[in-house]
PDB file of N, CA and C in Angstrom:
ATOM      1  N   MET A   1      20.946 -15.355  -5.310  1.00  0.00           N
ATOM      2  CA  MET A   1      20.023 -14.739  -6.236  1.00  0.00           C
ATOM      3  C   MET A   1      19.834 -13.277  -5.873  1.00  0.00           C
ATOM      4  N   LYS A   2      19.977 -12.417  -6.834  1.00  0.00           N
ATOM      5  CA  LYS A   2      19.859 -10.991  -6.603  1.00  0.00           C
ATOM      6  C   LYS A   2      18.383 -10.580  -6.563  1.00  0.00           C
ATOM      7  N   LYS A   3      18.029  -9.781  -5.558  1.00  0.00           N
ATOM      8  CA  LYS A   3      16.651  -9.303  -5.453  1.00  0.00           C
ATOM      9  C   LYS A   3      16.474  -8.095  -6.351  1.00  0.00           C
ATOM     10  N   TYR A   4      15.353  -8.090  -7.065  1.00  0.00           N
ATOM     11  CA  TYR A   4      15.014  -6.945  -7.904  1.00  0.00           C
ATOM     12  C   TYR A   4      14.456  -5.847  -7.009  1.00  0.00           C
ATOM     13  N   LYS A   5      15.050  -4.679  -7.103  1.00  0.00           N
ATOM     14  CA  LYS A   5      14.614  -3.539  -6.303  1.00  0.00           C
ATOM     15  C   LYS A   5      13.754  -2.631  -7.186  1.00  0.00           C
ATOM     16  N   PRO A   6      12.445  -2.575  -6.908  1.00  0.00           N
ATOM     17  CA  PRO A   6      11.577  -1.739  -7.752  1.00  0.00           C
ATOM     18  C   PRO A   6      12.018  -0.282  -7.739  1.00  0.00           C
ATOM     19  N   ASN A   7      11.887   0.345  -8.871  1.00  0.00           N
ATOM     20  CA  ASN A   7      12.242   1.755  -9.003  1.00  0.00           C
ATOM     21  C   ASN A   7      10.952   2.562  -9.137  1.00  0.00           C
ATOM     22  N   TRP A   8      10.125   2.535  -8.095  1.00  0.00           N
ATOM     23  CA  TRP A   8       8.839   3.209  -8.112  1.00  0.00           C
ATOM     24  C   TRP A   8       8.977   4.618  -7.562  1.00  0.00           C
ATOM     25  N   THR A   9       8.124   5.488  -8.065  1.00  0.00           N
ATOM     26  CA  THR A   9       8.045   6.833  -7.502  1.00  0.00           C
ATOM     27  C   THR A   9       7.334   6.734  -6.151  1.00  0.00           C
ATOM     28  N   LYS A  10       7.371   7.821  -5.386  1.00  0.00           N
ATOM     29  CA  LYS A  10       6.649   7.839  -4.108  1.00  0.00           C
ATOM     30  C   LYS A  10       5.158   7.579  -4.328  1.00  0.00           C
ATOM     31  N   THR A  11       4.609   8.175  -5.356  1.00  0.00           N
ATOM     32  CA  THR A  11       3.181   8.010  -5.647  1.00  0.00           C
ATOM     33  C   THR A  11       2.861   6.558  -5.985  1.00  0.00           C
ATOM     34  N   GLU A  12       3.684   5.936  -6.810  1.00  0.00           N
ATOM     35  CA  GLU A  12       3.463   4.530  -7.174  1.00  0.00           C
ATOM     36  C   GLU A  12       3.564   3.627  -5.947  1.00  0.00           C
ATOM     37  N   LEU A  13       4.552   3.887  -5.110  1.00  0.00           N
ATOM     38  CA  LEU A  13       4.707   3.107  -3.888  1.00  0.00           C
ATOM     39  C   LEU A  13       3.494   3.279  -2.974  1.00  0.00           C
ATOM     40  N   GLN A  14       3.027   4.497  -2.843  1.00  0.00           N
ATOM     41  CA  GLN A  14       1.866   4.743  -1.983  1.00  0.00           C
ATOM     42  C   GLN A  14       0.629   4.048  -2.523  1.00  0.00           C
ATOM     43  N   VAL A  15       0.429   4.060  -3.828  1.00  0.00           N
ATOM     44  CA  VAL A  15      -0.705   3.346  -4.419  1.00  0.00           C
ATOM     45  C   VAL A  15      -0.593   1.857  -4.115  1.00  0.00           C
ATOM     46  N   TYR A  16       0.595   1.315  -4.261  1.00  0.00           N
ATOM     47  CA  TYR A  16       0.820  -0.110  -4.003  1.00  0.00           C
ATOM     48  C   TYR A  16       0.507  -0.446  -2.543  1.00  0.00           C
ATOM     49  N   ILE A  17       0.965   0.387  -1.621  1.00  0.00           N
ATOM     50  CA  ILE A  17       0.700   0.150  -0.203  1.00  0.00           C
ATOM     51  C   ILE A  17      -0.794   0.301   0.099  1.00  0.00           C
ATOM     52  N   LEU A  18      -1.440   1.275  -0.506  1.00  0.00           N
ATOM     53  CA  LEU A  18      -2.881   1.430  -0.293  1.00  0.00           C
ATOM     54  C   LEU A  18      -3.647   0.238  -0.852  1.00  0.00           C
ATOM     55  N   LEU A  19      -3.180  -0.337  -1.949  1.00  0.00           N
ATOM     56  CA  LEU A  19      -3.795  -1.555  -2.469  1.00  0.00           C
ATOM     57  C   LEU A  19      -3.604  -2.704  -1.484  1.00  0.00           C
ATOM     58  N   LEU A  20      -2.429  -2.755  -0.851  1.00  0.00           N
ATOM     59  CA  LEU A  20      -2.199  -3.750   0.201  1.00  0.00           C
ATOM     60  C   LEU A  20      -3.227  -3.586   1.325  1.00  0.00           C
ATOM     61  N   CYS A  21      -3.453  -2.355   1.726  1.00  0.00           N
ATOM     62  CA  CYS A  21      -4.415  -2.074   2.799  1.00  0.00           C
ATOM     63  C   CYS A  21      -5.826  -2.475   2.388  1.00  0.00           C
ATOM     64  N   ALA A  22      -6.194  -2.152   1.159  1.00  0.00           N
ATOM     65  CA  ALA A  22      -7.530  -2.490   0.669  1.00  0.00           C
ATOM     66  C   ALA A  22      -7.724  -3.999   0.589  1.00  0.00           C
ATOM     67  N   ASN A  23      -6.642  -4.713   0.322  1.00  0.00           N
ATOM     68  CA  ASN A  23      -6.698  -6.161   0.142  1.00  0.00           C
ATOM     69  C   ASN A  23      -6.372  -6.936   1.414  1.00  0.00           C
ATOM     70  N   ALA A  24      -6.137  -6.259   2.516  1.00  0.00           N
ATOM     71  CA  ALA A  24      -5.700  -6.923   3.750  1.00  0.00           C
ATOM     72  C   ALA A  24      -6.663  -8.001   4.205  1.00  0.00           C
ATOM     73  N   ASP A  25      -7.955  -7.744   4.077  1.00  0.00           N
ATOM     74  CA  ASP A  25      -8.953  -8.734   4.493  1.00  0.00           C
ATOM     75  C   ASP A  25      -9.401  -9.602   3.320  1.00  0.00           C
ATOM     76  N   LYS A  26      -8.606  -9.596   2.260  1.00  0.00           N
ATOM     77  CA  LYS A  26      -8.832 -10.394   1.046  1.00  0.00           C
ATOM     78  C   LYS A  26     -10.073  -9.969   0.271  1.00  0.00           C
ATOM     79  N   LYS A  27     -10.582  -8.775   0.573  1.00  0.00           N
ATOM     80  CA  LYS A  27     -11.753  -8.243  -0.132  1.00  0.00           C
ATOM     81  C   LYS A  27     -11.499  -6.778  -0.474  1.00  0.00           C
ATOM     82  N   GLU A  28     -11.248  -6.501  -1.716  1.00  0.00           N
ATOM     83  CA  GLU A  28     -11.110  -5.114  -2.169  1.00  0.00           C
ATOM     84  C   GLU A  28     -12.504  -4.645  -2.553  1.00  0.00           C
ATOM     85  N   THR A  29     -13.029  -3.682  -1.838  1.00  0.00           N
ATOM     86  CA  THR A  29     -14.355  -3.193  -2.185  1.00  0.00           C
ATOM     87  C   THR A  29     -14.252  -2.121  -3.262  1.00  0.00           C
ATOM     88  N   LYS A  30     -15.355  -1.913  -3.945  1.00  0.00           N
ATOM     89  CA  LYS A  30     -15.412  -0.877  -4.970  1.00  0.00           C
ATOM     90  C   LYS A  30     -15.098   0.480  -4.345  1.00  0.00           C
ATOM     91  N   GLU A  31     -15.611   0.719  -3.148  1.00  0.00           N
ATOM     92  CA  GLU A  31     -15.379   1.984  -2.439  1.00  0.00           C
ATOM     93  C   GLU A  31     -13.897   2.197  -2.150  1.00  0.00           C
ATOM     94  N   GLU A  32     -13.223   1.144  -1.697  1.00  0.00           N
ATOM     95  CA  GLU A  32     -11.787   1.247  -1.403  1.00  0.00           C
ATOM     96  C   GLU A  32     -10.985   1.566  -2.663  1.00  0.00           C
ATOM     97  N   LEU A  33     -11.304   0.873  -3.749  1.00  0.00           N
ATOM     98  CA  LEU A  33     -10.581   1.107  -4.998  1.00  0.00           C
ATOM     99  C   LEU A  33     -10.835   2.514  -5.530  1.00  0.00           C
ATOM    100  N   GLU A  34     -12.063   2.993  -5.387  1.00  0.00           N
ATOM    101  CA  GLU A  34     -12.375   4.355  -5.823  1.00  0.00           C
ATOM    102  C   GLU A  34     -11.627   5.392  -4.987  1.00  0.00           C
ATOM    103  N   MET A  35     -11.464   5.109  -3.693  1.00  0.00           N
ATOM    104  CA  MET A  35     -10.712   6.021  -2.822  1.00  0.00           C
ATOM    105  C   MET A  35      -9.265   6.135  -3.296  1.00  0.00           C
ATOM    106  N   ILE A  36      -8.687   5.018  -3.693  1.00  0.00           N
ATOM    107  CA  ILE A  36      -7.304   5.021  -4.164  1.00  0.00           C
ATOM    108  C   ILE A  36      -7.213   5.707  -5.528  1.00  0.00           C
ATOM    109  N   GLN A  37      -8.133   5.370  -6.426  1.00  0.00           N
ATOM    110  CA  GLN A  37      -8.125   5.951  -7.768  1.00  0.00           C
ATOM    111  C   GLN A  37      -8.270   7.468  -7.737  1.00  0.00           C
ATOM    112  N   ALA A  38      -8.989   7.980  -6.759  1.00  0.00           N
ATOM    113  CA  ALA A  38      -9.205   9.432  -6.668  1.00  0.00           C
ATOM    114  C   ALA A  38      -7.923  10.185  -6.342  1.00  0.00           C
ATOM    115  N   LYS A  39      -6.913   9.506  -5.845  1.00  0.00           N
ATOM    116  CA  LYS A  39      -5.673  10.148  -5.416  1.00  0.00           C
ATOM    117  C   LYS A  39      -4.620  10.258  -6.522  1.00  0.00           C
ATOM    118  N   VAL A  40      -4.792   9.456  -7.599  1.00  0.00           N
ATOM    119  CA  VAL A  40      -3.748   9.394  -8.634  1.00  0.00           C
ATOM    120  C   VAL A  40      -4.374   9.342 -10.024  1.00  0.00           C
ATOM    121  N   SER A  41      -3.511   9.427 -11.021  1.00  0.00           N
ATOM    122  CA  SER A  41      -3.986   9.318 -12.403  1.00  0.00           C
ATOM    123  C   SER A  41      -4.421   7.880 -12.688  1.00  0.00           C
ATOM    124  N   LYS A  42      -5.257   7.735 -13.685  1.00  0.00           N
ATOM    125  CA  LYS A  42      -5.739   6.410 -14.076  1.00  0.00           C
ATOM    126  C   LYS A  42      -4.575   5.523 -14.512  1.00  0.00           C
ATOM    127  N   GLU A  43      -3.611   6.097 -15.223  1.00  0.00           N
ATOM    128  CA  GLU A  43      -2.462   5.327 -15.707  1.00  0.00           C
ATOM    129  C   GLU A  43      -1.642   4.771 -14.546  1.00  0.00           C
ATOM    130  N   THR A  44      -1.393   5.609 -13.547  1.00  0.00           N
ATOM    131  CA  THR A  44      -0.618   5.170 -12.383  1.00  0.00           C
ATOM    132  C   THR A  44      -1.365   4.082 -11.630  1.00  0.00           C
ATOM    133  N   PHE A  45      -2.657   4.299 -11.416  1.00  0.00           N
ATOM    134  CA  PHE A  45      -3.444   3.290 -10.703  1.00  0.00           C
ATOM    135  C   PHE A  45      -3.435   1.967 -11.462  1.00  0.00           C
ATOM    136  N   ASP A  46      -3.723   2.007 -12.757  1.00  0.00           N
ATOM    137  CA  ASP A  46      -3.778   0.775 -13.558  1.00  0.00           C
ATOM    138  C   ASP A  46      -2.439   0.039 -13.553  1.00  0.00           C
ATOM    139  N   LYS A  47      -1.360   0.783 -13.694  1.00  0.00           N
ATOM    140  CA  LYS A  47      -0.012   0.181 -13.696  1.00  0.00           C
ATOM    141  C   LYS A  47       0.256  -0.560 -12.373  1.00  0.00           C
ATOM    142  N   MET A  48      -0.024   0.115 -11.263  1.00  0.00           N
ATOM    143  CA  MET A  48       0.273  -0.487  -9.959  1.00  0.00           C
ATOM    144  C   MET A  48      -0.725  -1.597  -9.613  1.00  0.00           C
ATOM    145  N   TYR A  49      -1.961  -1.464 -10.056  1.00  0.00           N
ATOM    146  CA  TYR A  49      -2.976  -2.495  -9.812  1.00  0.00           C
ATOM    147  C   TYR A  49      -2.565  -3.798 -10.499  1.00  0.00           C
ATOM    148  N   LYS A  50      -2.070  -3.681 -11.734  1.00  0.00           N
ATOM    149  CA  LYS A  50      -1.617  -4.878 -12.463  1.00  0.00           C
ATOM    150  C   LYS A  50      -0.418  -5.512 -11.768  1.00  0.00           C
ATOM    151  N   LYS A  51       0.541  -4.698 -11.364  1.00  0.00           N
ATOM    152  CA  LYS A  51       1.716  -5.216 -10.664  1.00  0.00           C
ATOM    153  C   LYS A  51       1.299  -5.898  -9.357  1.00  0.00           C
ATOM    154  N   PHE A  52       0.420  -5.238  -8.625  1.00  0.00           N
ATOM    155  CA  PHE A  52      -0.030  -5.742  -7.334  1.00  0.00           C
ATOM    156  C   PHE A  52      -0.636  -7.141  -7.464  1.00  0.00           C
ATOM    157  N   HIS A  53      -1.474  -7.339  -8.448  1.00  0.00           N
ATOM    158  CA  HIS A  53      -2.170  -8.616  -8.581  1.00  0.00           C
ATOM    159  C   HIS A  53      -1.318  -9.721  -9.201  1.00  0.00           C
ATOM    160  N   ARG A  54      -0.136  -9.387  -9.653  1.00  0.00           N
ATOM    161  CA  ARG A  54       0.801 -10.412 -10.136  1.00  0.00           C
ATOM    162  C   ARG A  54       1.624 -11.006  -8.998  1.00  0.00           C
ATOM    163  N   HIS A  55       1.656 -10.349  -7.856  1.00  0.00           N
ATOM    164  CA  HIS A  55       2.527 -10.752  -6.761  1.00  0.00           C
ATOM    165  C   HIS A  55       1.770 -11.485  -5.660  1.00  0.00           C
ATOM    166  N   SER A  56       2.492 -12.375  -4.983  1.00  0.00           N
ATOM    167  CA  SER A  56       1.953 -13.033  -3.791  1.00  0.00           C
ATOM    168  C   SER A  56       2.042 -12.060  -2.620  1.00  0.00           C
ATOM    169  N   GLU A  57       1.388 -12.391  -1.507  1.00  0.00           N
ATOM    170  CA  GLU A  57       1.434 -11.494  -0.349  1.00  0.00           C
ATOM    171  C   GLU A  57       2.864 -11.309   0.147  1.00  0.00           C
ATOM    172  N   LYS A  58       3.630 -12.382   0.197  1.00  0.00           N
ATOM    173  CA  LYS A  58       5.021 -12.287   0.646  1.00  0.00           C
ATOM    174  C   LYS A  58       5.838 -11.386  -0.285  1.00  0.00           C
ATOM    175  N   LYS A  59       5.657 -11.566  -1.593  1.00  0.00           N
ATOM    176  CA  LYS A  59       6.395 -10.762  -2.556  1.00  0.00           C
ATOM    177  C   LYS A  59       5.981  -9.289  -2.467  1.00  0.00           C
ATOM    178  N   ARG A  60       4.693  -9.049  -2.209  1.00  0.00           N
ATOM    179  CA  ARG A  60       4.203  -7.677  -2.072  1.00  0.00           C
ATOM    180  C   ARG A  60       4.924  -6.968  -0.929  1.00  0.00           C
ATOM    181  N   LEU A  61       5.011  -7.627   0.213  1.00  0.00           N
ATOM    182  CA  LEU A  61       5.667  -7.022   1.374  1.00  0.00           C
ATOM    183  C   LEU A  61       7.153  -6.829   1.132  1.00  0.00           C
ATOM    184  N   ASN A  62       7.785  -7.782   0.460  1.00  0.00           N
ATOM    185  CA  ASN A  62       9.207  -7.639   0.122  1.00  0.00           C
ATOM    186  C   ASN A  62       9.435  -6.457  -0.810  1.00  0.00           C
ATOM    187  N   LYS A  63       8.568  -6.283  -1.796  1.00  0.00           N
ATOM    188  CA  LYS A  63       8.696  -5.152  -2.729  1.00  0.00           C
ATOM    189  C   LYS A  63       8.540  -3.826  -1.991  1.00  0.00           C
ATOM    190  N   VAL A  64       7.575  -3.752  -1.081  1.00  0.00           N
ATOM    191  CA  VAL A  64       7.381  -2.526  -0.298  1.00  0.00           C
ATOM    192  C   VAL A  64       8.618  -2.258   0.542  1.00  0.00           C
ATOM    193  N   ASP A  65       9.129  -3.278   1.204  1.00  0.00           N
ATOM    194  CA  ASP A  65      10.304  -3.127   2.051  1.00  0.00           C
ATOM    195  C   ASP A  65      11.502  -2.619   1.253  1.00  0.00           C
ATOM    196  N   LEU A  66      11.704  -3.177   0.071  1.00  0.00           N
ATOM    197  CA  LEU A  66      12.821  -2.746  -0.769  1.00  0.00           C
ATOM    198  C   LEU A  66      12.610  -1.328  -1.310  1.00  0.00           C
ATOM    199  N   SER A  67      11.367  -0.986  -1.629  1.00  0.00           N
ATOM    200  CA  SER A  67      11.069   0.310  -2.249  1.00  0.00           C
ATOM    201  C   SER A  67      11.084   1.470  -1.275  1.00  0.00           C
ATOM    202  N   VAL A  68      10.674   1.235  -0.050  1.00  0.00           N
ATOM    203  CA  VAL A  68      10.608   2.317   0.941  1.00  0.00           C
ATOM    204  C   VAL A  68      11.970   2.962   1.129  1.00  0.00           C
ATOM    205  N   ASN A  69      13.000   2.176   1.074  1.00  0.00           N
ATOM    206  CA  ASN A  69      14.347   2.699   1.289  1.00  0.00           C
ATOM    207  C   ASN A  69      14.856   3.562   0.138  1.00  0.00           C
ATOM    208  N   ASN A  70      14.156   3.539  -0.998  1.00  0.00           N
ATOM    209  CA  ASN A  70      14.541   4.382  -2.131  1.00  0.00           C
ATOM    210  C   ASN A  70      14.152   5.840  -1.923  1.00  0.00           C
ATOM    211  N   HIS A  71      13.283   6.087  -0.953  1.00  0.00           N
ATOM    212  CA  HIS A  71      12.738   7.420  -0.742  1.00  0.00           C
ATOM    213  C   HIS A  71      12.985   7.880   0.688  1.00  0.00           C
ATOM    214  N   GLU A  72      13.150   9.160   0.818  1.00  0.00           N
ATOM    215  CA  GLU A  72      13.278   9.744   2.151  1.00  0.00           C
ATOM    216  C   GLU A  72      11.951  10.410   2.486  1.00  0.00           C
ATOM    217  N   TYR A  73      11.257   9.840   3.462  1.00  0.00           N
ATOM    218  CA  TYR A  73       9.974  10.389   3.892  1.00  0.00           C
ATOM    219  C   TYR A  73      10.178  11.224   5.143  1.00  0.00           C
ATOM    220  N   THR A  74       9.509  12.378   5.183  1.00  0.00           N
ATOM    221  CA  THR A  74       9.527  13.184   6.401  1.00  0.00           C
ATOM    222  C   THR A  74       8.487  12.620   7.357  1.00  0.00           C
ATOM    223  N   GLU A  75       8.569  13.025   8.603  1.00  0.00           N
ATOM    224  CA  GLU A  75       7.578  12.583   9.592  1.00  0.00           C
ATOM    225  C   GLU A  75       6.176  13.024   9.186  1.00  0.00           C
ATOM    226  N   MET A  76       6.067  14.214   8.614  1.00  0.00           N
ATOM    227  CA  MET A  76       4.764  14.731   8.182  1.00  0.00           C
ATOM    228  C   MET A  76       4.196  13.888   7.030  1.00  0.00           C
ATOM    229  N   GLU A  77       5.054  13.510   6.086  1.00  0.00           N
ATOM    230  CA  GLU A  77       4.600  12.669   4.972  1.00  0.00           C
ATOM    231  C   GLU A  77       4.116  11.318   5.472  1.00  0.00           C
ATOM    232  N   LEU A  78       4.872  10.726   6.392  1.00  0.00           N
ATOM    233  CA  LEU A  78       4.480   9.430   6.945  1.00  0.00           C
ATOM    234  C   LEU A  78       3.181   9.530   7.730  1.00  0.00           C
ATOM    235  N   ALA A  79       3.020  10.593   8.494  1.00  0.00           N
ATOM    236  CA  ALA A  79       1.786  10.776   9.273  1.00  0.00           C
ATOM    237  C   ALA A  79       0.587  10.929   8.341  1.00  0.00           C
ATOM    238  N   ALA A  80       0.733  11.698   7.274  1.00  0.00           N
ATOM    239  CA  ALA A  80      -0.353  11.882   6.306  1.00  0.00           C
ATOM    240  C   ALA A  80      -0.667  10.565   5.604  1.00  0.00           C
ATOM    241  N   PHE A  81       0.376   9.826   5.291  1.00  0.00           N
ATOM    242  CA  PHE A  81       0.185   8.533   4.620  1.00  0.00           C
ATOM    243  C   PHE A  81      -0.506   7.535   5.539  1.00  0.00           C
ATOM    244  N   ARG A  82      -0.128   7.542   6.803  1.00  0.00           N
ATOM    245  CA  ARG A  82      -0.784   6.636   7.780  1.00  0.00           C
ATOM    246  C   ARG A  82      -2.269   6.970   7.892  1.00  0.00           C
ATOM    247  N   ARG A  83      -2.617   8.247   7.841  1.00  0.00           N
ATOM    248  CA  ARG A  83      -4.040   8.632   7.883  1.00  0.00           C
ATOM    249  C   ARG A  83      -4.781   8.061   6.678  1.00  0.00           C
ATOM    250  N   GLU A  84      -4.148   8.104   5.509  1.00  0.00           N
ATOM    251  CA  GLU A  84      -4.761   7.525   4.312  1.00  0.00           C
ATOM    252  C   GLU A  84      -4.966   6.020   4.480  1.00  0.00           C
ATOM    253  N   MET A  85      -3.975   5.355   5.065  1.00  0.00           N
ATOM    254  CA  MET A  85      -4.082   3.915   5.290  1.00  0.00           C
ATOM    255  C   MET A  85      -5.248   3.610   6.230  1.00  0.00           C
ATOM    256  N   TYR A  86      -5.354   4.372   7.312  1.00  0.00           N
ATOM    257  CA  TYR A  86      -6.432   4.133   8.274  1.00  0.00           C
ATOM    258  C   TYR A  86      -7.799   4.449   7.674  1.00  0.00           C
ATOM    259  N   THR A  87      -7.872   5.414   6.788  1.00  0.00           N
ATOM    260  CA  THR A  87      -9.134   5.707   6.108  1.00  0.00           C
ATOM    261  C   THR A  87      -9.589   4.475   5.324  1.00  0.00           C
ATOM    262  N   LEU A  88      -8.645   3.818   4.664  1.00  0.00           N
ATOM    263  CA  LEU A  88      -8.983   2.589   3.934  1.00  0.00           C
ATOM    264  C   LEU A  88      -9.353   1.455   4.892  1.00  0.00           C
ATOM    265  N   PHE A  89      -8.566   1.280   5.942  1.00  0.00           N
ATOM    266  CA  PHE A  89      -8.854   0.211   6.897  1.00  0.00           C
ATOM    267  C   PHE A  89     -10.259   0.357   7.486  1.00  0.00           C
ATOM    268  N   PHE A  90     -10.638   1.578   7.807  1.00  0.00           N
ATOM    269  CA  PHE A  90     -11.912   1.808   8.480  1.00  0.00           C
ATOM    270  C   PHE A  90     -13.060   2.138   7.530  1.00  0.00           C
ATOM    271  N   SER A  91     -12.842   2.046   6.227  1.00  0.00           N
ATOM    272  CA  SER A  91     -13.898   2.382   5.272  1.00  0.00           C
ATOM    273  C   SER A  91     -15.116   1.474   5.409  1.00  0.00           C
ATOM    274  N   ASP A  92     -14.909   0.262   5.890  1.00  0.00           N
ATOM    275  CA  ASP A  92     -16.036  -0.655   6.099  1.00  0.00           C
ATOM    276  C   ASP A  92     -16.477  -0.694   7.569  1.00  0.00           C
ATOM    277  N   CYS A  93     -15.990   0.267   8.357  1.00  0.00           N
ATOM    278  CA  CYS A  93     -16.332   0.377   9.792  1.00  0.00           C
ATOM    279  C   CYS A  93     -15.918  -0.853  10.591  1.00  0.00           C
ATOM    280  N   ASN A  94     -14.870  -1.514  10.137  1.00  0.00           N
ATOM    281  CA  ASN A  94     -14.378  -2.708  10.830  1.00  0.00           C
ATOM    282  C   ASN A  94     -12.860  -2.776  10.653  1.00  0.00           C
ATOM    283  N   PHE A  95     -12.155  -2.957  11.751  1.00  0.00           N
ATOM    284  CA  PHE A  95     -10.697  -3.093  11.707  1.00  0.00           C
ATOM    285  C   PHE A  95     -10.380  -4.535  12.080  1.00  0.00           C
ATOM    286  N   SER A  96     -10.370  -5.395  11.059  1.00  0.00           N
ATOM    287  CA  SER A  96     -10.224  -6.842  11.279  1.00  0.00           C
ATOM    288  C   SER A  96      -8.817  -7.207  11.755  1.00  0.00           C
ATOM    289  N   MET A  97      -8.687  -8.427  12.226  1.00  0.00           N
ATOM    290  CA  MET A  97      -7.380  -8.915  12.691  1.00  0.00           C
ATOM    291  C   MET A  97      -6.379  -8.939  11.531  1.00  0.00           C
ATOM    292  N   LEU A  98      -6.837  -9.274  10.338  1.00  0.00           N
ATOM    293  CA  LEU A  98      -5.935  -9.269   9.180  1.00  0.00           C
ATOM    294  C   LEU A  98      -5.431  -7.857   8.884  1.00  0.00           C
ATOM    295  N   GLU A  99      -6.309  -6.884   9.025  1.00  0.00           N
ATOM    296  CA  GLU A  99      -5.914  -5.491   8.808  1.00  0.00           C
ATOM    297  C   GLU A  99      -4.957  -5.025   9.897  1.00  0.00           C
ATOM    298  N   LYS A 100      -5.204  -5.444  11.126  1.00  0.00           N
ATOM    299  CA  LYS A 100      -4.291  -5.097  12.232  1.00  0.00           C
ATOM    300  C   LYS A 100      -2.911  -5.686  12.000  1.00  0.00           C
ATOM    301  N   ARG A 101      -2.882  -6.933  11.543  1.00  0.00           N
ATOM    302  CA  ARG A 101      -1.600  -7.597  11.288  1.00  0.00           C
ATOM    303  C   ARG A 101      -0.825  -6.850  10.201  1.00  0.00           C
ATOM    304  N   LEU A 102      -1.516  -6.462   9.139  1.00  0.00           N
ATOM    305  CA  LEU A 102      -0.848  -5.704   8.079  1.00  0.00           C
ATOM    306  C   LEU A 102      -0.389  -4.351   8.594  1.00  0.00           C
ATOM    307  N   ASP A 103      -1.206  -3.715   9.410  1.00  0.00           N
ATOM    308  CA  ASP A 103      -0.839  -2.420   9.995  1.00  0.00           C
ATOM    309  C   ASP A 103       0.448  -2.541  10.807  1.00  0.00           C
ATOM    310  N   TRP A 104       0.563  -3.566  11.616  1.00  0.00           N
ATOM    311  CA  TRP A 104       1.787  -3.780  12.413  1.00  0.00           C
ATOM    312  C   TRP A 104       2.984  -4.012  11.499  1.00  0.00           C
ATOM    313  N   THR A 105       2.780  -4.825  10.468  1.00  0.00           N
ATOM    314  CA  THR A 105       3.865  -5.124   9.531  1.00  0.00           C
ATOM    315  C   THR A 105       4.329  -3.854   8.807  1.00  0.00           C
ATOM    316  N   LEU A 106       3.374  -3.080   8.298  1.00  0.00           N
ATOM    317  CA  LEU A 106       3.739  -1.852   7.599  1.00  0.00           C
ATOM    318  C   LEU A 106       4.365  -0.826   8.534  1.00  0.00           C
ATOM    319  N   ASP A 107       3.926  -0.819   9.775  1.00  0.00           N
ATOM    320  CA  ASP A 107       4.530   0.070  10.764  1.00  0.00           C
ATOM    321  C   ASP A 107       6.021  -0.244  10.905  1.00  0.00           C
ATOM    322  N   ASN A 108       6.358  -1.516  10.940  1.00  0.00           N
ATOM    323  CA  ASN A 108       7.769  -1.915  11.048  1.00  0.00           C
ATOM    324  C   ASN A 108       8.557  -1.572   9.790  1.00  0.00           C
ATOM    325  N   ILE A 109       7.920  -1.676   8.638  1.00  0.00           N
ATOM    326  CA  ILE A 109       8.601  -1.375   7.387  1.00  0.00           C
ATOM    327  C   ILE A 109       8.812   0.130   7.227  1.00  0.00           C
ATOM    328  N   LEU A 110       7.765   0.906   7.501  1.00  0.00           N
ATOM    329  CA  LEU A 110       7.823   2.348   7.254  1.00  0.00           C
ATOM    330  C   LEU A 110       8.700   3.094   8.260  1.00  0.00           C
ATOM    331  N   TYR A 111       8.756   2.604   9.490  1.00  0.00           N
ATOM    332  CA  TYR A 111       9.528   3.310  10.506  1.00  0.00           C
ATOM    333  C   TYR A 111      10.733   2.496  10.836  1.00  0.00           C
TER     334      TYR A 111
END
C-alpha cells in the first residue's frame, strides 16, 4: 500500500505540529489554540485544524514524518520552531509526561 505524502507548506506543517503539541496531554486549551491562530491566517489554521482532528495519533506522527522531509529547515528555523513548541508545552506551567514523550518523538523526527 502506497503511503500518501502530504504536500503541505512549511507554515501548514508547523501549524499541524503545534496542534500536536497543544493536544499532547489530550487537552487543547483556548489559550493554546489562540497562540497558534495568532501565527497564521484563519484559513490556514482552519484547514489544518480540520485535517488534524480527522487523524489518529499514529497517523498524525506519520504525516509529520513524511512531511518534514519535503522541506529543508535551517538550524535557525528549527531552533525558532522548537521555542514555539516549548511555549505551547509550558503555557499551562506544566510539562507533563505525555508532552515529554511527544517532545522526544518530535525531536527524533525533526533532527
